[in-house]
Amino acid sequence: AQDRLWTNTWLGIYGASAATGVVLASTSGSSTERYDA
């Protein structure tokens, strides 16, 4: 149960972070923000 909880939690966090990065990399107005994303 702990395995399932930890795995799903980290998959969600990393997936959301990657998706946010993709969106910010293509929509941000600042070149430094796009680079960071």
PDB file of all heavy atoms in Angstrom:
ATOM      1  N   ALA A   1       0.836  -1.212   0.000  1.00  0.00           N
ATOM      2  CA  ALA A   1       0.000   0.000   0.000  1.00  0.00           C
ATOM      3  C   ALA A   1       0.867   1.258   0.000  1.00  0.00           C
ATOM      4  O   ALA A   1       0.578   2.216  -0.725  1.00  0.00           O
ATOM      5  CB  ALA A   1      -0.942  -0.014   1.208  1.00  0.00           C
ATOM      6  N   GLN A   2       1.934   1.260   0.792  1.00  0.00           N
ATOM      7  CA  GLN A   2       2.837   2.402   0.809  1.00  0.00           C
ATOM      8  C   GLN A   2       3.564   2.554  -0.524  1.00  0.00           C
ATOM      9  O   GLN A   2       3.765   3.669  -1.008  1.00  0.00           O
ATOM     10  CB  GLN A   2       3.861   2.257   1.950  1.00  0.00           C
ATOM     11  CG  GLN A   2       3.269   2.464   3.321  1.00  0.00           C
ATOM     12  CD  GLN A   2       2.744   3.875   3.510  1.00  0.00           C
ATOM     13  OE1 GLN A   2       3.419   4.849   3.202  1.00  0.00           O
ATOM     14  NE2 GLN A   2       1.524   3.991   3.994  1.00  0.00           N
ATOM     15  N   ASP A   3       3.941   1.440  -1.116  1.00  0.00           N
ATOM     16  CA  ASP A   3       4.572   1.434  -2.439  1.00  0.00           C
ATOM     17  C   ASP A   3       3.653   2.133  -3.439  1.00  0.00           C
ATOM     18  O   ASP A   3       4.069   3.038  -4.166  1.00  0.00           O
ATOM     19  CB  ASP A   3       4.844  -0.011  -2.847  1.00  0.00           C
ATOM     20  CG  ASP A   3       5.397  -0.183  -4.255  1.00  0.00           C
ATOM     21  OD1 ASP A   3       5.160   0.669  -5.130  1.00  0.00           O
ATOM     22  OD2 ASP A   3       6.058  -1.202  -4.491  1.00  0.00           O
ATOM     23  N   ARG A   4       2.397   1.711  -3.461  1.00  0.00           N
ATOM     24  CA  ARG A   4       1.419   2.279  -4.397  1.00  0.00           C
ATOM     25  C   ARG A   4       1.255   3.787  -4.147  1.00  0.00           C
ATOM     26  O   ARG A   4       1.266   4.591  -5.081  1.00  0.00           O
ATOM     27  CB  ARG A   4       0.080   1.565  -4.239  1.00  0.00           C
ATOM     28  CG  ARG A   4      -0.933   1.870  -5.301  1.00  0.00           C
ATOM     29  CD  ARG A   4      -2.195   1.018  -5.151  1.00  0.00           C
ATOM     30  NE  ARG A   4      -1.902  -0.411  -5.181  1.00  0.00           N
ATOM     31  CZ  ARG A   4      -1.896  -1.223  -4.104  1.00  0.00           C
ATOM     32  NH1 ARG A   4      -2.186  -0.761  -2.918  1.00  0.00           N
ATOM     33  NH2 ARG A   4      -1.621  -2.505  -4.234  1.00  0.00           N
ATOM     34  N   LEU A   5       1.129   4.181  -2.881  1.00  0.00           N
ATOM     35  CA  LEU A   5       0.938   5.583  -2.537  1.00  0.00           C
ATOM     36  C   LEU A   5       2.136   6.434  -2.963  1.00  0.00           C
ATOM     37  O   LEU A   5       1.983   7.460  -3.632  1.00  0.00           O
ATOM     38  CB  LEU A   5       0.706   5.728  -1.025  1.00  0.00           C
ATOM     39  CG  LEU A   5       0.626   7.162  -0.501  1.00  0.00           C
ATOM     40  CD1 LEU A   5      -0.644   7.828  -0.993  1.00  0.00           C
ATOM     41  CD2 LEU A   5       0.693   7.166   1.014  1.00  0.00           C
ATOM     42  N   TRP A   6       3.341   6.008  -2.592  1.00  0.00           N
ATOM     43  CA  TRP A   6       4.537   6.773  -2.927  1.00  0.00           C
ATOM     44  C   TRP A   6       4.755   6.840  -4.428  1.00  0.00           C
ATOM     45  O   TRP A   6       5.073   7.899  -4.976  1.00  0.00           O
ATOM     46  CB  TRP A   6       5.770   6.170  -2.249  1.00  0.00           C
ATOM     47  CG  TRP A   6       5.896   6.604  -0.840  1.00  0.00           C
ATOM     48  CD1 TRP A   6       5.478   5.930   0.263  1.00  0.00           C
ATOM     49  CD2 TRP A   6       6.440   7.833  -0.364  1.00  0.00           C
ATOM     50  NE1 TRP A   6       5.738   6.655   1.392  1.00  0.00           N
ATOM     51  CE2 TRP A   6       6.337   7.828   1.041  1.00  0.00           C
ATOM     52  CE3 TRP A   6       7.013   8.928  -0.980  1.00  0.00           C
ATOM     53  CZ2 TRP A   6       6.780   8.880   1.820  1.00  0.00           C
ATOM     54  CZ3 TRP A   6       7.459   9.971  -0.195  1.00  0.00           C
ATOM     55  CH2 TRP A   6       7.341   9.937   1.185  1.00  0.00           C
ATOM     56  N   THR A   7       4.621   5.724  -5.110  1.00  0.00           N
ATOM     57  CA  THR A   7       4.840   5.709  -6.559  1.00  0.00           C
ATOM     58  C   THR A   7       3.855   6.626  -7.261  1.00  0.00           C
ATOM     59  O   THR A   7       4.251   7.458  -8.084  1.00  0.00           O
ATOM     60  CB  THR A   7       4.736   4.269  -7.104  1.00  0.00           C
ATOM     61  OG1 THR A   7       5.735   3.471  -6.462  1.00  0.00           O
ATOM     62  CG2 THR A   7       4.925   4.233  -8.599  1.00  0.00           C
ATOM     63  N   ASN A   8       2.577   6.499  -6.948  1.00  0.00           N
ATOM     64  CA  ASN A   8       1.573   7.329  -7.610  1.00  0.00           C
ATOM     65  C   ASN A   8       1.749   8.808  -7.274  1.00  0.00           C
ATOM     66  O   ASN A   8       1.564   9.670  -8.138  1.00  0.00           O
ATOM     67  CB  ASN A   8       0.169   6.860  -7.249  1.00  0.00           C
ATOM     68  CG  ASN A   8      -0.147   5.504  -7.850  1.00  0.00           C
ATOM     69  OD1 ASN A   8       0.485   5.076  -8.806  1.00  0.00           O
ATOM     70  ND2 ASN A   8      -1.107   4.812  -7.279  1.00  0.00           N
ATOM     71  N   THR A   9       2.136   9.101  -6.033  1.00  0.00           N
ATOM     72  CA  THR A   9       2.350  10.490  -5.647  1.00  0.00           C
ATOM     73  C   THR A   9       3.503  11.103  -6.437  1.00  0.00           C
ATOM     74  O   THR A   9       3.374  12.194  -7.006  1.00  0.00           O
ATOM     75  CB  THR A   9       2.638  10.593  -4.136  1.00  0.00           C
ATOM     76  OG1 THR A   9       1.504  10.091  -3.410  1.00  0.00           O
ATOM     77  CG2 THR A   9       2.910  12.024  -3.721  1.00  0.00           C
ATOM     78  N   TRP A  10       4.637  10.397  -6.496  1.00  0.00           N
ATOM     79  CA  TRP A  10       5.785  10.952  -7.209  1.00  0.00           C
ATOM     80  C   TRP A  10       5.549  10.992  -8.714  1.00  0.00           C
ATOM     81  O   TRP A  10       6.011  11.926  -9.388  1.00  0.00           O
ATOM     82  CB  TRP A  10       7.066  10.188  -6.866  1.00  0.00           C
ATOM     83  CG  TRP A  10       7.554  10.577  -5.518  1.00  0.00           C
ATOM     84  CD1 TRP A  10       7.579   9.823  -4.397  1.00  0.00           C
ATOM     85  CD2 TRP A  10       8.055  11.862  -5.124  1.00  0.00           C
ATOM     86  NE1 TRP A  10       8.065  10.546  -3.332  1.00  0.00           N
ATOM     87  CE2 TRP A  10       8.363  11.802  -3.755  1.00  0.00           C
ATOM     88  CE3 TRP A  10       8.270  13.058  -5.791  1.00  0.00           C
ATOM     89  CZ2 TRP A  10       8.878  12.891  -3.057  1.00  0.00           C
ATOM     90  CZ3 TRP A  10       8.787  14.143  -5.090  1.00  0.00           C
ATOM     91  CH2 TRP A  10       9.085  14.045  -3.738  1.00  0.00           C
ATOM     92  N   LEU A  11       4.848  10.011  -9.252  1.00  0.00           N
ATOM     93  CA  LEU A  11       4.516  10.075 -10.679  1.00  0.00           C
ATOM     94  C   LEU A  11       3.663  11.306 -10.967  1.00  0.00           C
ATOM     95  O   LEU A  11       3.867  11.994 -11.973  1.00  0.00           O
ATOM     96  CB  LEU A  11       3.795   8.805 -11.128  1.00  0.00           C
ATOM     97  CG  LEU A  11       4.641   7.543 -11.234  1.00  0.00           C
ATOM     98  CD1 LEU A  11       3.760   6.338 -11.568  1.00  0.00           C
ATOM     99  CD2 LEU A  11       5.741   7.702 -12.262  1.00  0.00           C
ATOM    100  N   GLY A  12       2.715  11.589 -10.081  1.00  0.00           N
ATOM    101  CA  GLY A  12       1.864  12.771 -10.247  1.00  0.00           C
ATOM    102  C   GLY A  12       2.654  14.068 -10.147  1.00  0.00           C
ATOM    103  O   GLY A  12       2.475  14.995 -10.953  1.00  0.00           O
ATOM    104  N   ILE A  13       3.544  14.151  -9.156  1.00  0.00           N
ATOM    105  CA  ILE A  13       4.343  15.368  -8.968  1.00  0.00           C
ATOM    106  C   ILE A  13       5.270  15.596 -10.161  1.00  0.00           C
ATOM    107  O   ILE A  13       5.321  16.699 -10.728  1.00  0.00           O
ATOM    108  CB  ILE A  13       5.139  15.295  -7.655  1.00  0.00           C
ATOM    109  CG1 ILE A  13       4.181  15.407  -6.465  1.00  0.00           C
ATOM    110  CG2 ILE A  13       6.212  16.367  -7.599  1.00  0.00           C
ATOM    111  CD1 ILE A  13       4.818  15.097  -5.131  1.00  0.00           C
ATOM    112  N   TYR A  14       6.012  14.550 -10.544  1.00  0.00           N
ATOM    113  CA  TYR A  14       6.941  14.707 -11.663  1.00  0.00           C
ATOM    114  C   TYR A  14       6.206  14.946 -12.980  1.00  0.00           C
ATOM    115  O   TYR A  14       6.654  15.736 -13.817  1.00  0.00           O
ATOM    116  CB  TYR A  14       7.849  13.485 -11.791  1.00  0.00           C
ATOM    117  CG  TYR A  14       8.801  13.311 -10.635  1.00  0.00           C
ATOM    118  CD1 TYR A  14       9.084  12.043 -10.137  1.00  0.00           C
ATOM    119  CD2 TYR A  14       9.427  14.390 -10.033  1.00  0.00           C
ATOM    120  CE1 TYR A  14       9.955  11.865  -9.083  1.00  0.00           C
ATOM    121  CE2 TYR A  14      10.306  14.217  -8.971  1.00  0.00           C
ATOM    122  CZ  TYR A  14      10.564  12.959  -8.501  1.00  0.00           C
ATOM    123  OH  TYR A  14      11.425  12.786  -7.461  1.00  0.00           O
ATOM    124  N   GLY A  15       5.092  14.265 -13.180  1.00  0.00           N
ATOM    125  CA  GLY A  15       4.308  14.468 -14.396  1.00  0.00           C
ATOM    126  C   GLY A  15       3.743  15.874 -14.475  1.00  0.00           C
ATOM    127  O   GLY A  15       3.796  16.522 -15.530  1.00  0.00           O
ATOM    128  N   ALA A  16       3.204  16.376 -13.351  1.00  0.00           N
ATOM    129  CA  ALA A  16       2.667  17.736 -13.332  1.00  0.00           C
ATOM    130  C   ALA A  16       3.779  18.763 -13.551  1.00  0.00           C
ATOM    131  O   ALA A  16       3.592  19.762 -14.263  1.00  0.00           O
ATOM    132  CB  ALA A  16       1.954  17.992 -12.011  1.00  0.00           C
ATOM    133  N   SER A  17       4.933  18.525 -12.961  1.00  0.00           N
ATOM    134  CA  SER A  17       6.061  19.444 -13.132  1.00  0.00           C
ATOM    135  C   SER A  17       6.531  19.468 -14.586  1.00  0.00           C
ATOM    136  O   SER A  17       6.808  20.538 -15.141  1.00  0.00           O
ATOM    137  CB  SER A  17       7.212  19.042 -12.210  1.00  0.00           C
ATOM    138  OG  SER A  17       8.311  19.901 -12.378  1.00  0.00           O
ATOM    139  N   ALA A  18       6.608  18.296 -15.204  1.00  0.00           N
ATOM    140  CA  ALA A  18       7.018  18.233 -16.614  1.00  0.00           C
ATOM    141  C   ALA A  18       5.986  18.919 -17.511  1.00  0.00           C
ATOM    142  O   ALA A  18       6.357  19.678 -18.421  1.00  0.00           O
ATOM    143  CB  ALA A  18       7.219  16.782 -17.045  1.00  0.00           C
ATOM    144  N   ALA A  19       4.711  18.681 -17.244  1.00  0.00           N
ATOM    145  CA  ALA A  19       3.660  19.309 -18.050  1.00  0.00           C
ATOM    146  C   ALA A  19       3.670  20.826 -17.874  1.00  0.00           C
ATOM    147  O   ALA A  19       3.542  21.579 -18.858  1.00  0.00           O
ATOM    148  CB  ALA A  19       2.303  18.741 -17.664  1.00  0.00           C
ATOM    149  N   THR A  20       3.861  21.282 -16.641  1.00  0.00           N
ATOM    150  CA  THR A  20       3.947  22.719 -16.386  1.00  0.00           C
ATOM    151  C   THR A  20       5.147  23.315 -17.110  1.00  0.00           C
ATOM    152  O   THR A  20       5.058  24.403 -17.697  1.00  0.00           O
ATOM    153  CB  THR A  20       4.062  22.991 -14.871  1.00  0.00           C
ATOM    154  OG1 THR A  20       2.934  22.423 -14.214  1.00  0.00           O
ATOM    155  CG2 THR A  20       4.126  24.477 -14.574  1.00  0.00           C
ATOM    156  N   GLY A  21       6.263  22.600 -17.087  1.00  0.00           N
ATOM    157  CA  GLY A  21       7.454  23.071 -17.794  1.00  0.00           C
ATOM    158  C   GLY A  21       7.220  23.208 -19.282  1.00  0.00           C
ATOM    159  O   GLY A  21       7.663  24.177 -19.900  1.00  0.00           O
ATOM    160  N   VAL A  22       6.523  22.235 -19.868  1.00  0.00           N
ATOM    161  CA  VAL A  22       6.237  22.288 -21.314  1.00  0.00           C
ATOM    162  C   VAL A  22       5.375  23.507 -21.629  1.00  0.00           C
ATOM    163  O   VAL A  22       5.639  24.247 -22.592  1.00  0.00           O
ATOM    164  CB  VAL A  22       5.538  20.986 -21.781  1.00  0.00           C
ATOM    165  CG1 VAL A  22       4.945  21.139 -23.161  1.00  0.00           C
ATOM    166  CG2 VAL A  22       6.515  19.828 -21.742  1.00  0.00           C
ATOM    167  N   VAL A  23       4.350  23.727 -20.806  1.00  0.00           N
ATOM    168  CA  VAL A  23       3.461  24.867 -21.050  1.00  0.00           C
ATOM    169  C   VAL A  23       4.220  26.185 -20.894  1.00  0.00           C
ATOM    170  O   VAL A  23       4.123  27.077 -21.744  1.00  0.00           O
ATOM    171  CB  VAL A  23       2.241  24.809 -20.100  1.00  0.00           C
ATOM    172  CG1 VAL A  23       1.439  26.094 -20.155  1.00  0.00           C
ATOM    173  CG2 VAL A  23       1.354  23.622 -20.436  1.00  0.00           C
ATOM    174  N   LEU A  24       4.985  26.308 -19.816  1.00  0.00           N
ATOM    175  CA  LEU A  24       5.735  27.555 -19.590  1.00  0.00           C
ATOM    176  C   LEU A  24       6.812  27.771 -20.648  1.00  0.00           C
ATOM    177  O   LEU A  24       7.092  28.917 -21.016  1.00  0.00           O
ATOM    178  CB  LEU A  24       6.358  27.557 -18.196  1.00  0.00           C
ATOM    179  CG  LEU A  24       5.391  27.709 -17.027  1.00  0.00           C
ATOM    180  CD1 LEU A  24       6.124  27.590 -15.707  1.00  0.00           C
ATOM    181  CD2 LEU A  24       4.660  29.044 -17.118  1.00  0.00           C
ATOM    182  N   ALA A  25       7.418  26.688 -21.127  1.00  0.00           N
ATOM    183  CA  ALA A  25       8.464  26.819 -22.150  1.00  0.00           C
ATOM    184  C   ALA A  25       7.913  27.361 -23.456  1.00  0.00           C
ATOM    185  O   ALA A  25       8.648  27.968 -24.237  1.00  0.00           O
ATOM    186  CB  ALA A  25       9.143  25.479 -22.392  1.00  0.00           C
ATOM    187  N   SER A  26       6.641  27.148 -23.694  1.00  0.00           N
ATOM    188  CA  SER A  26       6.080  27.612 -24.968  1.00  0.00           C
ATOM    189  C   SER A  26       5.239  28.883 -24.825  1.00  0.00           C
ATOM    190  O   SER A  26       4.965  29.535 -25.828  1.00  0.00           O
ATOM    191  CB  SER A  26       5.232  26.504 -25.589  1.00  0.00           C
ATOM    192  OG  SER A  26       4.167  26.177 -24.727  1.00  0.00           O
ATOM    193  N   THR A  27       4.850  29.247 -23.607  1.00  0.00           N
ATOM    194  CA  THR A  27       3.951  30.401 -23.467  1.00  0.00           C
ATOM    195  C   THR A  27       4.525  31.564 -22.675  1.00  0.00           C
ATOM    196  O   THR A  27       3.942  32.637 -22.691  1.00  0.00           O
ATOM    197  CB  THR A  27       2.639  29.974 -22.789  1.00  0.00           C
ATOM    198  OG1 THR A  27       2.919  29.489 -21.479  1.00  0.00           O
ATOM    199  CG2 THR A  27       1.903  28.932 -23.601  1.00  0.00           C
ATOM    200  N   SER A  28       5.613  31.374 -21.995  1.00  0.00           N
ATOM    201  CA  SER A  28       6.156  32.434 -21.151  1.00  0.00           C
ATOM    202  C   SER A  28       6.685  33.578 -21.999  1.00  0.00           C
ATOM    203  O   SER A  28       7.245  33.374 -23.078  1.00  0.00           O
ATOM    204  CB  SER A  28       7.270  31.875 -20.268  1.00  0.00           C
ATOM    205  OG  SER A  28       7.738  32.876 -19.398  1.00  0.00           O
ATOM    206  N   GLY A  29       6.551  34.792 -21.472  1.00  0.00           N
ATOM    207  CA  GLY A  29       6.997  35.968 -22.201  1.00  0.00           C
ATOM    208  C   GLY A  29       8.487  36.227 -22.073  1.00  0.00           C
ATOM    209  O   GLY A  29       9.104  36.820 -22.948  1.00  0.00           O
ATOM    210  N   SER A  30       9.088  35.755 -21.010  1.00  0.00           N
ATOM    211  CA  SER A  30      10.503  36.015 -20.759  1.00  0.00           C
ATOM    212  C   SER A  30      11.349  34.853 -21.273  1.00  0.00           C
ATOM    213  O   SER A  30      11.025  33.688 -21.085  1.00  0.00           O
ATOM    214  CB  SER A  30      10.703  36.180 -19.246  1.00  0.00           C
ATOM    215  OG  SER A  30      12.056  36.111 -18.904  1.00  0.00           O
ATOM    216  N   SER A  31      12.465  35.203 -21.911  1.00  0.00           N
ATOM    217  CA  SER A  31      13.334  34.146 -22.439  1.00  0.00           C
ATOM    218  C   SER A  31      13.990  33.349 -21.301  1.00  0.00           C
ATOM    219  O   SER A  31      14.206  32.146 -21.437  1.00  0.00           O
ATOM    220  CB  SER A  31      14.398  34.736 -23.364  1.00  0.00           C
ATOM    221  OG  SER A  31      15.262  35.585 -22.627  1.00  0.00           O
ATOM    222  N   THR A  32      14.296  33.997 -20.175  1.00  0.00           N
ATOM    223  CA  THR A  32      14.883  33.263 -19.043  1.00  0.00           C
ATOM    224  C   THR A  32      13.878  32.293 -18.432  1.00  0.00           C
ATOM    225  O   THR A  32      14.245  31.193 -18.034  1.00  0.00           O
ATOM    226  CB  THR A  32      15.416  34.223 -17.952  1.00  0.00           C
ATOM    227  OG1 THR A  32      14.366  35.079 -17.523  1.00  0.00           O
ATOM    228  CG2 THR A  32      16.576  35.031 -18.458  1.00  0.00           C
ATOM    229  N   GLU A  33      12.611  32.695 -18.374  1.00  0.00           N
ATOM    230  CA  GLU A  33      11.574  31.793 -17.855  1.00  0.00           C
ATOM    231  C   GLU A  33      11.371  30.609 -18.793  1.00  0.00           C
ATOM    232  O   GLU A  33      11.153  29.480 -18.340  1.00  0.00           O
ATOM    233  CB  GLU A  33      10.258  32.546 -17.648  1.00  0.00           C
ATOM    234  CG  GLU A  33      10.273  33.466 -16.447  1.00  0.00           C
ATOM    235  CD  GLU A  33       8.972  34.215 -16.263  1.00  0.00           C
ATOM    236  OE1 GLU A  33       7.981  33.911 -16.963  1.00  0.00           O
ATOM    237  OE2 GLU A  33       8.943  35.115 -15.405  1.00  0.00           O
ATOM    238  N   ARG A  34      11.419  30.861 -20.093  1.00  0.00           N
ATOM    239  CA  ARG A  34      11.276  29.758 -21.054  1.00  0.00           C
ATOM    240  C   ARG A  34      12.449  28.789 -20.919  1.00  0.00           C
ATOM    241  O   ARG A  34      12.278  27.583 -20.957  1.00  0.00           O
ATOM    242  CB  ARG A  34      11.175  30.293 -22.492  1.00  0.00           C
ATOM    243  CG  ARG A  34       9.844  30.920 -22.821  1.00  0.00           C
ATOM    244  CD  ARG A  34       9.669  31.141 -24.321  1.00  0.00           C
ATOM    245  NE  ARG A  34      10.746  31.912 -24.912  1.00  0.00           N
ATOM    246  CZ  ARG A  34      10.784  33.246 -25.011  1.00  0.00           C
ATOM    247  NH1 ARG A  34       9.774  33.957 -24.551  1.00  0.00           N
ATOM    248  NH2 ARG A  34      11.808  33.854 -25.576  1.00  0.00           N
ATOM    249  N   TYR A  35      13.642  29.323 -20.765  1.00  0.00           N
ATOM    250  CA  TYR A  35      14.843  28.491 -20.606  1.00  0.00           C
ATOM    251  C   TYR A  35      14.741  27.656 -19.331  1.00  0.00           C
ATOM    252  O   TYR A  35      14.979  26.445 -19.347  1.00  0.00           O
ATOM    253  CB  TYR A  35      16.083  29.394 -20.569  1.00  0.00           C
ATOM    254  CG  TYR A  35      17.383  28.645 -20.679  1.00  0.00           C
ATOM    255  CD1 TYR A  35      17.846  28.206 -21.903  1.00  0.00           C
ATOM    256  CD2 TYR A  35      18.141  28.377 -19.541  1.00  0.00           C
ATOM    257  CE1 TYR A  35      19.048  27.525 -22.011  1.00  0.00           C
ATOM    258  CE2 TYR A  35      19.342  27.697 -19.638  1.00  0.00           C
ATOM    259  CZ  TYR A  35      19.792  27.269 -20.874  1.00  0.00           C
ATOM    260  OH  TYR A  35      20.972  26.587 -20.971  1.00  0.00           O
ATOM    261  N   ASP A  36      14.366  28.301 -18.232  1.00  0.00           N
ATOM    262  CA  ASP A  36      14.198  27.577 -16.961  1.00  0.00           C
ATOM    263  C   ASP A  36      13.134  26.484 -17.088  1.00  0.00           C
ATOM    264  O   ASP A  36      13.287  25.391 -16.546  1.00  0.00           O
ATOM    265  CB  ASP A  36      13.801  28.536 -15.836  1.00  0.00           C
ATOM    266  CG  ASP A  36      14.920  29.479 -15.439  1.00  0.00           C
ATOM    267  OD1 ASP A  36      16.055  29.317 -15.939  1.00  0.00           O
ATOM    268  OD2 ASP A  36      14.644  30.385 -14.618  1.00  0.00           O
ATOM    269  N   ALA A  37      12.072  26.789 -17.797  1.00  0.00           N
ATOM    270  CA  ALA A  37      10.988  25.815 -17.961  1.00  0.00           C
ATOM    271  C   ALA A  37      11.453  24.616 -18.783  1.00  0.00           C
ATOM    272  O   ALA A  37      11.065  23.477 -18.492  1.00  0.00           O
ATOM    273  CB  ALA A  37       9.788  26.483 -18.626  1.00  0.00           C
TER     274      ALA A  37
END
